[in-house]
Amino acid sequence: MFVVVHYEEIGTKGKNRSMFEKKLVDNIRSSLSKNSYESIKRSYGRILIELKLDNKVDIKEILKKISGIANFSFAVKAELDIEDIKKELLKIAEKNKEKTFRISSRRGHKEFPYDSQKLNEELGAYLVEKCDMKVSLSKPEIAFFVEITEKGAFIYTDKIKGIGGLPVGATGKVVSLISGGLDSPVAAWKMFRRGCSVVFVHFNNETLNKSGVEDKIVKLVEKLSHYQFKTRLYLIPFGRLQNEIIKVIPSKYRMIVYRRVMFKIAEKILENEKALEFVTGDSVAQVASQTLENIKVIYASAKSPVLSPLIGENKKDIIKIAEEIGTFELSTLPYEDCCSFLIDKHPETKAKLENIEKLEENLKINNLIEESIEKANIKVFMNKRF
């Protein structure tokens, strides 16, 4: 049994294409146990996995979560001989009850004597002769795919959709500020798909149902960890810092200052992790802290760039992705968000940086910032291999 893996965007990368292909192969190897495959090789714009085990379900679920894969198929291999291809194709056709079919061939190995069109015609005529089936190019009940490579001919009937994009680790490392709501997990997932490895940071007010909140965050990050081989989560105690902020900052500005202080703490983690940029789940005007004015003021506290993959997304589109990646139910569980702790019923929506910085002059929290980093609870998730 083989798996034929296809990518899309990697094929547009020109001189860097080989680097992206190698990274995708490395990620597939990291996700599969050595006991499950014989070899993983690149071949004419595709990746071929020769399997030892015939457990399609587990392997399917793993490959569906590897970014960079556009689609993949479980295939049988035939020799580069038209009669052997016919024999293997007939075996597959006889196992199915469909009455109409289409042949779709791709000849990557140009030394094979049949071009794609001639191969389609030859194999189609053979199935019509040998089986009770008819050709239907527009609406076939089953499609047979035949790929000709220098390593052999691969035949399959189903294409399983992957998440596409670029392989994790190919474009760098980012730090995701994960809150526990719907948005930040989806934003992190989008960065996986752009080839980033993601480190997670969560700020927790330990006076607000600490165990319940941490349990939810850990489960969310564990779910997201399936998209990369190794994942780190920093759980940062934020209660003492919030108490100091509450003493000094008027309630209408507290959410803004909370988030500015969070960036200052996360900046140190970003430096330690040798990451390049931050990721947030912000979407314009979704909540009071996400007006354009407030986003500008909050992001000004970060030395490193802040990426917001959801900045122009509608909520329903975010919900749809959350459902698809399996974070929706966890994200909608009730929890105490420390950003909403003791804030005004009508928080400021048009903050000015000079006003916020003036208020922050009275904050004496540098020691507490260092303390929160020292007391961070770091959890590591290793993706299980099959």
Protein backbone atom coordinates (compact mmCIF):
# COMPACT_ATOMS: atom_id res chain seq x y z
CA MET A 1 0.00 0.00 0.00
CA PHE A 2 1.19 3.49 -0.89
CA VAL A 3 0.09 7.03 -0.16
CA VAL A 4 0.43 9.59 -2.94
CA VAL A 5 0.76 13.07 -1.41
CA HIS A 6 0.17 16.21 -3.46
CA TYR A 7 0.93 19.81 -2.61
CA GLU A 8 -0.11 23.03 -4.37
CA GLU A 9 1.58 26.19 -3.11
CA ILE A 10 4.98 24.54 -2.66
CA GLY A 11 5.02 23.97 -6.41
CA THR A 12 5.11 27.75 -7.01
CA LYS A 13 8.24 28.37 -4.93
CA GLY A 14 10.86 28.38 -7.68
CA LYS A 15 14.41 28.09 -6.33
CA ASN A 16 13.13 27.52 -2.78
CA ARG A 17 10.86 24.66 -3.79
CA SER A 18 13.31 21.94 -2.78
CA MET A 19 13.61 23.39 0.73
CA PHE A 20 9.83 23.37 1.21
CA GLU A 21 9.55 19.84 -0.17
CA LYS A 22 12.25 18.57 2.20
CA LYS A 23 10.52 20.24 5.14
CA LEU A 24 7.22 18.60 4.25
CA VAL A 25 8.93 15.20 4.01
CA ASP A 26 10.59 15.80 7.40
CA ASN A 27 7.22 16.71 8.96
CA ILE A 28 5.59 13.57 7.56
CA ARG A 29 8.45 11.46 8.95
CA SER A 30 8.09 13.16 12.35
CA SER A 31 4.37 12.39 12.42
CA LEU A 32 4.60 8.72 11.42
CA SER A 33 6.34 6.02 13.39
CA LYS A 34 9.18 4.25 11.58
CA ASN A 35 7.21 1.05 12.10
CA SER A 36 4.40 2.34 9.88
CA TYR A 37 6.29 3.05 6.64
CA GLU A 38 9.07 1.63 4.47
CA SER A 39 10.05 4.85 2.73
CA ILE A 40 9.04 8.47 2.09
CA LYS A 41 10.38 9.91 -1.17
CA ARG A 42 9.87 12.89 -3.46
CA SER A 43 8.91 12.15 -7.05
CA TYR A 44 7.88 14.56 -9.82
CA GLY A 45 5.97 17.10 -7.75
CA ARG A 46 4.51 14.56 -5.34
CA ILE A 47 5.58 12.61 -2.27
CA LEU A 48 5.29 8.82 -2.17
CA ILE A 49 4.88 6.99 1.14
CA GLU A 50 5.29 3.22 1.09
CA LEU A 51 3.40 1.83 4.08
CA LYS A 52 4.15 -1.19 6.22
CA LEU A 53 0.80 -1.12 8.00
CA ASP A 54 -2.64 -1.15 6.40
CA ASN A 55 -4.30 1.13 8.94
CA LYS A 56 -5.82 3.80 6.73
CA VAL A 57 -7.93 5.45 9.43
CA ASP A 58 -5.07 6.50 11.73
CA ILE A 59 -2.75 7.50 8.90
CA LYS A 60 -5.54 9.46 7.22
CA GLU A 61 -6.22 11.51 10.38
CA ILE A 62 -2.51 12.29 10.80
CA LEU A 63 -1.95 13.40 7.20
CA LYS A 64 -5.07 15.59 7.25
CA LYS A 65 -3.38 17.72 9.93
CA ILE A 66 -0.01 18.20 8.22
CA SER A 67 0.10 21.65 6.63
CA GLY A 68 1.55 21.74 3.15
CA ILE A 69 -0.50 18.75 1.98
CA ALA A 70 -3.21 19.75 -0.52
CA ASN A 71 -4.58 16.22 -0.91
CA PHE A 72 -3.48 12.61 -0.62
CA SER A 73 -4.65 9.19 -1.75
CA PHE A 74 -4.18 5.57 -0.78
CA ALA A 75 -2.89 3.82 -3.90
CA VAL A 76 -1.73 0.52 -5.30
CA LYS A 77 1.45 0.33 -7.33
CA ALA A 78 1.86 -1.25 -10.76
CA GLU A 79 5.00 -1.74 -12.81
CA LEU A 80 5.71 0.67 -15.67
CA ASP A 81 4.09 -1.73 -18.08
CA ILE A 82 0.68 -1.19 -19.67
CA GLU A 83 -0.44 -4.77 -19.06
CA ASP A 84 0.46 -4.63 -15.36
CA ILE A 85 -1.35 -1.30 -15.02
CA LYS A 86 -4.44 -2.85 -16.63
CA LYS A 87 -4.28 -5.83 -14.26
CA GLU A 88 -4.11 -3.67 -11.12
CA LEU A 89 -6.79 -1.30 -12.41
CA LEU A 90 -9.13 -4.22 -13.09
CA LYS A 91 -8.68 -5.52 -9.53
CA ILE A 92 -9.83 -2.17 -8.16
CA ALA A 93 -12.73 -1.89 -10.61
CA GLU A 94 -14.03 -5.37 -9.78
CA LYS A 95 -14.25 -4.45 -6.08
CA ASN A 96 -16.62 -1.58 -6.87
CA LYS A 97 -20.25 -1.67 -8.02
CA GLU A 98 -20.33 1.62 -9.91
CA LYS A 99 -21.58 1.51 -13.50
CA THR A 100 -19.97 4.65 -14.93
CA PHE A 101 -16.35 5.75 -14.68
CA ARG A 102 -13.66 8.12 -15.86
CA ILE A 103 -9.91 7.61 -16.15
CA SER A 104 -7.66 10.55 -15.23
CA SER A 105 -3.98 9.93 -15.95
CA ARG A 106 -0.89 12.04 -15.27
CA ARG A 107 2.44 11.16 -16.89
CA GLY A 108 5.23 12.62 -14.80
CA HIS A 109 7.76 10.15 -16.22
CA LYS A 110 8.02 11.26 -19.85
CA GLU A 111 9.87 8.12 -20.99
CA PHE A 112 6.70 6.07 -20.50
CA PRO A 113 5.46 5.31 -24.05
CA TYR A 114 1.84 6.43 -23.52
CA ASP A 115 0.97 10.10 -23.02
CA SER A 116 -1.89 10.95 -20.65
CA GLN A 117 -4.63 11.07 -23.29
CA LYS A 118 -3.55 7.82 -24.96
CA LEU A 119 -3.32 6.12 -21.56
CA ASN A 120 -6.84 7.28 -20.67
CA GLU A 121 -8.19 5.84 -23.90
CA GLU A 122 -6.31 2.53 -23.59
CA LEU A 123 -7.34 1.92 -19.97
CA GLY A 124 -10.91 3.12 -20.52
CA ALA A 125 -11.40 0.76 -23.46
CA TYR A 126 -9.97 -2.08 -21.39
CA LEU A 127 -12.43 -1.55 -18.52
CA VAL A 128 -15.39 -1.29 -20.91
CA GLU A 129 -14.33 -4.61 -22.42
CA LYS A 130 -13.70 -6.42 -19.12
CA CYS A 131 -16.37 -4.92 -16.83
CA ASP A 132 -20.03 -3.99 -17.04
CA MET A 133 -19.13 -0.29 -16.98
CA LYS A 134 -19.52 2.72 -19.25
CA VAL A 135 -17.43 5.85 -19.64
CA SER A 136 -18.86 9.12 -18.30
CA LEU A 137 -16.50 12.08 -18.48
CA SER A 138 -18.90 14.62 -16.97
CA LYS A 139 -20.64 12.76 -14.10
CA PRO A 140 -18.90 9.44 -13.41
CA GLU A 141 -19.93 7.36 -10.41
CA ILE A 142 -16.25 6.58 -9.84
CA ALA A 143 -13.00 8.13 -11.06
CA PHE A 144 -9.80 6.13 -11.46
CA PHE A 145 -6.60 8.13 -11.13
CA VAL A 146 -3.36 6.82 -12.63
CA GLU A 147 -0.04 8.57 -11.99
CA ILE A 148 3.04 7.56 -13.94
CA THR A 149 6.33 8.21 -12.12
CA GLU A 150 9.85 6.89 -12.56
CA LYS A 151 9.20 4.71 -9.50
CA GLY A 152 6.10 3.04 -10.95
CA ALA A 153 2.43 3.60 -11.75
CA PHE A 154 0.12 4.48 -8.87
CA ILE A 155 -3.62 3.86 -9.07
CA TYR A 156 -6.29 5.19 -6.73
CA THR A 157 -9.93 6.31 -6.61
CA ASP A 158 -10.23 8.87 -3.80
CA LYS A 159 -8.53 12.20 -3.09
CA ILE A 160 -8.57 13.15 0.59
CA LYS A 161 -8.36 16.88 1.22
CA GLY A 162 -5.51 18.24 3.34
CA ILE A 163 -5.19 21.71 4.86
CA GLY A 164 -2.86 23.01 2.14
CA GLY A 165 -0.52 25.91 2.72
CA LEU A 166 3.13 25.44 3.68
CA PRO A 167 4.84 22.93 6.00
CA VAL A 168 5.19 23.96 9.65
CA GLY A 169 8.65 25.28 10.45
CA ALA A 170 9.42 26.38 6.91
CA THR A 171 8.74 30.08 7.51
CA GLY A 172 9.79 30.65 11.13
CA LYS A 173 8.43 30.72 14.68
CA VAL A 174 5.71 32.92 16.21
CA VAL A 175 4.25 33.43 19.69
CA SER A 176 0.46 33.15 19.94
CA LEU A 177 -1.38 34.96 22.74
CA ILE A 178 -4.18 32.47 23.38
CA SER A 179 -7.15 33.59 25.46
CA GLY A 180 -9.51 30.63 25.45
CA GLY A 181 -12.14 32.18 23.20
CA LEU A 182 -13.02 31.27 19.62
CA ASP A 183 -10.62 33.54 17.81
CA SER A 184 -7.06 32.99 19.05
CA PRO A 185 -7.02 29.20 18.37
CA VAL A 186 -8.22 29.84 14.81
CA ALA A 187 -5.57 32.53 14.34
CA ALA A 188 -2.87 30.09 15.50
CA TRP A 189 -4.18 27.42 13.13
CA LYS A 190 -3.94 29.85 10.24
CA MET A 191 -0.28 30.42 11.11
CA PHE A 192 0.36 26.66 11.06
CA ARG A 193 -1.00 26.70 7.54
CA ARG A 194 1.43 29.48 6.60
CA GLY A 195 4.36 27.33 7.66
CA CYS A 196 4.97 28.81 11.13
CA SER A 197 5.75 26.84 14.25
CA VAL A 198 3.71 28.30 17.12
CA VAL A 199 4.51 28.82 20.81
CA PHE A 200 1.48 29.56 23.01
CA VAL A 201 1.24 32.04 25.88
CA HIS A 202 -1.78 32.35 28.18
CA PHE A 203 -2.27 34.85 31.00
CA ASN A 204 -4.26 33.57 33.95
CA ASN A 205 -5.59 35.43 36.97
CA GLU A 206 -5.01 32.74 39.58
CA THR A 207 -7.80 34.16 41.78
CA LEU A 208 -10.44 33.44 39.10
CA ASN A 209 -11.14 29.68 39.02
CA LYS A 210 -7.51 28.97 38.12
CA SER A 211 -7.84 25.20 37.67
CA GLY A 212 -10.93 25.47 35.46
CA VAL A 213 -9.40 28.07 33.17
CA GLU A 214 -6.05 26.28 32.91
CA ASP A 215 -7.79 22.99 32.14
CA LYS A 216 -9.63 24.60 29.24
CA ILE A 217 -6.48 26.25 27.86
CA VAL A 218 -4.47 23.04 28.14
CA LYS A 219 -7.17 21.12 26.25
CA LEU A 220 -7.29 23.78 23.52
CA VAL A 221 -3.53 23.79 23.04
CA GLU A 222 -3.43 19.99 23.13
CA LYS A 223 -5.96 20.00 20.27
CA LEU A 224 -3.86 22.50 18.31
CA SER A 225 -0.64 20.59 19.04
CA HIS A 226 -1.73 17.93 16.53
CA TYR A 227 -0.67 20.34 13.78
CA GLN A 228 3.01 20.41 14.79
CA PHE A 229 5.37 17.84 16.28
CA LYS A 230 6.33 19.70 19.48
CA THR A 231 4.33 22.45 21.20
CA ARG A 232 5.09 24.63 24.21
CA LEU A 233 2.50 26.46 26.32
CA TYR A 234 3.46 29.15 28.83
CA LEU A 235 0.85 29.68 31.56
CA ILE A 236 1.65 33.10 33.05
CA PRO A 237 0.26 34.12 36.48
CA PHE A 238 -1.31 37.55 36.02
CA GLY A 239 -3.28 38.12 39.23
CA ARG A 240 -0.77 40.27 41.14
CA LEU A 241 -0.12 42.39 38.08
CA GLN A 242 -3.84 42.95 37.62
CA ASN A 243 -4.22 44.02 41.22
CA GLU A 244 -1.54 46.67 40.74
CA ILE A 245 -3.12 47.85 37.50
CA ILE A 246 -6.53 48.11 39.21
CA LYS A 247 -5.04 50.33 41.91
CA VAL A 248 -3.71 52.85 39.39
CA ILE A 249 -5.65 52.64 36.12
CA PRO A 250 -9.28 53.85 35.78
CA SER A 251 -11.66 51.01 34.92
CA LYS A 252 -12.46 52.27 31.40
CA TYR A 253 -8.78 51.89 30.40
CA ARG A 254 -7.91 48.67 32.23
CA MET A 255 -8.48 46.22 29.40
CA ILE A 256 -6.14 48.23 27.19
CA VAL A 257 -3.43 48.34 29.87
CA TYR A 258 -3.90 44.64 30.69
CA ARG A 259 -3.14 43.77 27.08
CA ARG A 260 -0.22 46.18 26.82
CA VAL A 261 1.40 44.60 29.87
CA MET A 262 0.76 41.15 28.41
CA PHE A 263 2.74 42.09 25.32
CA LYS A 264 5.63 43.32 27.45
CA ILE A 265 5.76 39.95 29.22
CA ALA A 266 5.29 37.96 26.03
CA GLU A 267 8.13 39.93 24.42
CA LYS A 268 10.58 38.28 26.80
CA ILE A 269 9.21 34.84 25.96
CA LEU A 270 9.46 35.66 22.25
CA GLU A 271 13.13 36.57 22.71
CA ASN A 272 13.87 33.41 24.69
CA GLU A 273 12.14 31.27 22.08
CA LYS A 274 13.95 33.06 19.23
CA ALA A 275 10.56 33.70 17.66
CA LEU A 276 10.01 36.52 15.20
CA GLU A 277 6.49 37.87 15.67
CA PHE A 278 3.32 37.76 17.75
CA VAL A 279 -0.04 36.34 16.70
CA THR A 280 -3.40 37.45 18.08
CA GLY A 281 -7.03 36.60 17.35
CA ASP A 282 -8.03 40.24 16.96
CA SER A 283 -10.75 41.13 14.45
CA VAL A 284 -11.62 44.77 13.81
CA ALA A 285 -14.47 46.10 15.98
CA GLN A 286 -15.44 42.69 17.35
CA VAL A 287 -15.07 43.87 20.97
CA ALA A 288 -14.16 47.16 22.65
CA SER A 289 -10.42 46.45 22.75
CA GLN A 290 -10.39 45.73 19.01
CA THR A 291 -11.36 49.10 17.58
CA LEU A 292 -8.72 50.47 15.24
CA GLU A 293 -7.76 53.11 17.80
CA ASN A 294 -7.37 50.61 20.63
CA ILE A 295 -5.52 48.06 18.52
CA LYS A 296 -3.02 50.78 17.59
CA VAL A 297 -2.46 51.69 21.24
CA ILE A 298 -2.20 48.07 22.42
CA TYR A 299 0.20 46.97 19.68
CA ALA A 300 2.42 49.99 20.35
CA SER A 301 3.60 48.25 23.53
CA ALA A 302 5.11 45.39 21.52
CA LYS A 303 8.65 45.75 20.19
CA SER A 304 8.13 42.91 17.72
CA PRO A 305 5.55 42.92 14.90
CA VAL A 306 2.04 41.67 15.68
CA LEU A 307 0.21 39.50 13.14
CA SER A 308 -3.59 39.29 13.24
CA PRO A 309 -4.72 36.66 10.71
CA LEU A 310 -8.42 37.26 11.51
CA ILE A 311 -8.33 41.05 11.34
CA GLY A 312 -10.88 41.25 8.50
CA GLU A 313 -12.84 38.05 9.16
CA ASN A 314 -16.53 37.89 10.01
CA LYS A 315 -17.49 35.99 13.16
CA LYS A 316 -19.45 33.34 11.27
CA ASP A 317 -16.38 32.53 9.18
CA ILE A 318 -14.25 32.21 12.31
CA ILE A 319 -16.86 29.91 13.86
CA LYS A 320 -16.87 27.74 10.73
CA ILE A 321 -13.10 27.23 10.90
CA ALA A 322 -13.27 26.54 14.66
CA GLU A 323 -15.81 23.80 13.98
CA GLU A 324 -13.65 22.32 11.22
CA ILE A 325 -10.47 22.18 13.31
CA GLY A 326 -12.23 20.88 16.43
CA THR A 327 -11.78 23.86 18.78
CA PHE A 328 -15.35 25.23 18.73
CA GLU A 329 -16.81 23.21 21.61
CA LEU A 330 -13.82 23.84 23.87
CA SER A 331 -13.74 27.55 23.03
CA THR A 332 -17.41 28.03 23.88
CA LEU A 333 -17.11 26.49 27.34
CA PRO A 334 -17.60 29.22 30.00
CA TYR A 335 -14.43 30.57 31.60
CA GLU A 336 -13.16 33.61 33.47
CA ASP A 337 -11.28 35.85 31.03
CA CYS A 338 -8.75 37.90 32.96
CA CYS A 339 -8.94 40.69 30.35
CA SER A 340 -12.50 41.45 31.48
CA PHE A 341 -11.65 41.46 35.21
CA LEU A 342 -13.00 44.60 36.93
CA ILE A 343 -13.35 46.70 33.79
CA ASP A 344 -15.91 49.42 33.10
CA LYS A 345 -19.32 48.53 31.67
CA HIS A 346 -18.51 51.00 28.91
CA PRO A 347 -14.75 50.70 28.27
CA GLU A 348 -12.84 53.22 26.19
CA THR A 349 -13.07 52.54 22.45
CA LYS A 350 -10.94 55.42 21.13
CA ALA A 351 -7.88 55.43 23.37
CA LYS A 352 -4.95 57.76 22.71
CA LEU A 353 -1.42 56.47 23.21
CA GLU A 354 -0.17 59.56 25.03
CA ASN A 355 -2.99 59.33 27.58
CA ILE A 356 -2.38 55.63 28.26
CA GLU A 357 1.37 56.11 28.59
CA LYS A 358 0.75 58.97 31.04
CA LEU A 359 -1.42 56.69 33.20
CA GLU A 360 1.18 53.92 33.04
CA GLU A 361 3.86 56.18 34.49
CA ASN A 362 2.31 55.50 37.90
CA LEU A 363 2.60 51.72 37.49
CA LYS A 364 5.50 50.15 39.38
CA ILE A 365 5.37 46.62 38.02
CA ASN A 366 8.79 45.78 36.53
CA ASN A 367 9.56 43.39 39.38
CA LEU A 368 6.13 41.77 39.03
CA ILE A 369 6.70 41.30 35.31
CA GLU A 370 9.95 39.44 36.01
CA GLU A 371 8.25 37.43 38.74
CA SER A 372 5.41 36.37 36.45
CA ILE A 373 7.90 35.03 33.91
CA GLU A 374 9.87 33.17 36.58
CA LYS A 375 6.66 31.57 37.88
CA ALA A 376 5.40 30.55 34.46
CA ASN A 377 4.09 27.00 34.22
CA ILE A 378 5.48 25.55 30.98
CA LYS A 379 3.73 22.57 29.42
CA VAL A 380 5.11 20.60 26.48
CA PHE A 381 2.99 18.55 24.07
CA MET A 382 4.58 15.94 21.82
CA ASN A 383 2.53 14.86 18.83
CA LYS A 384 1.83 11.13 19.03
CA ARG A 385 3.26 9.11 16.18
CA PHE A 386 1.41 6.29 14.48
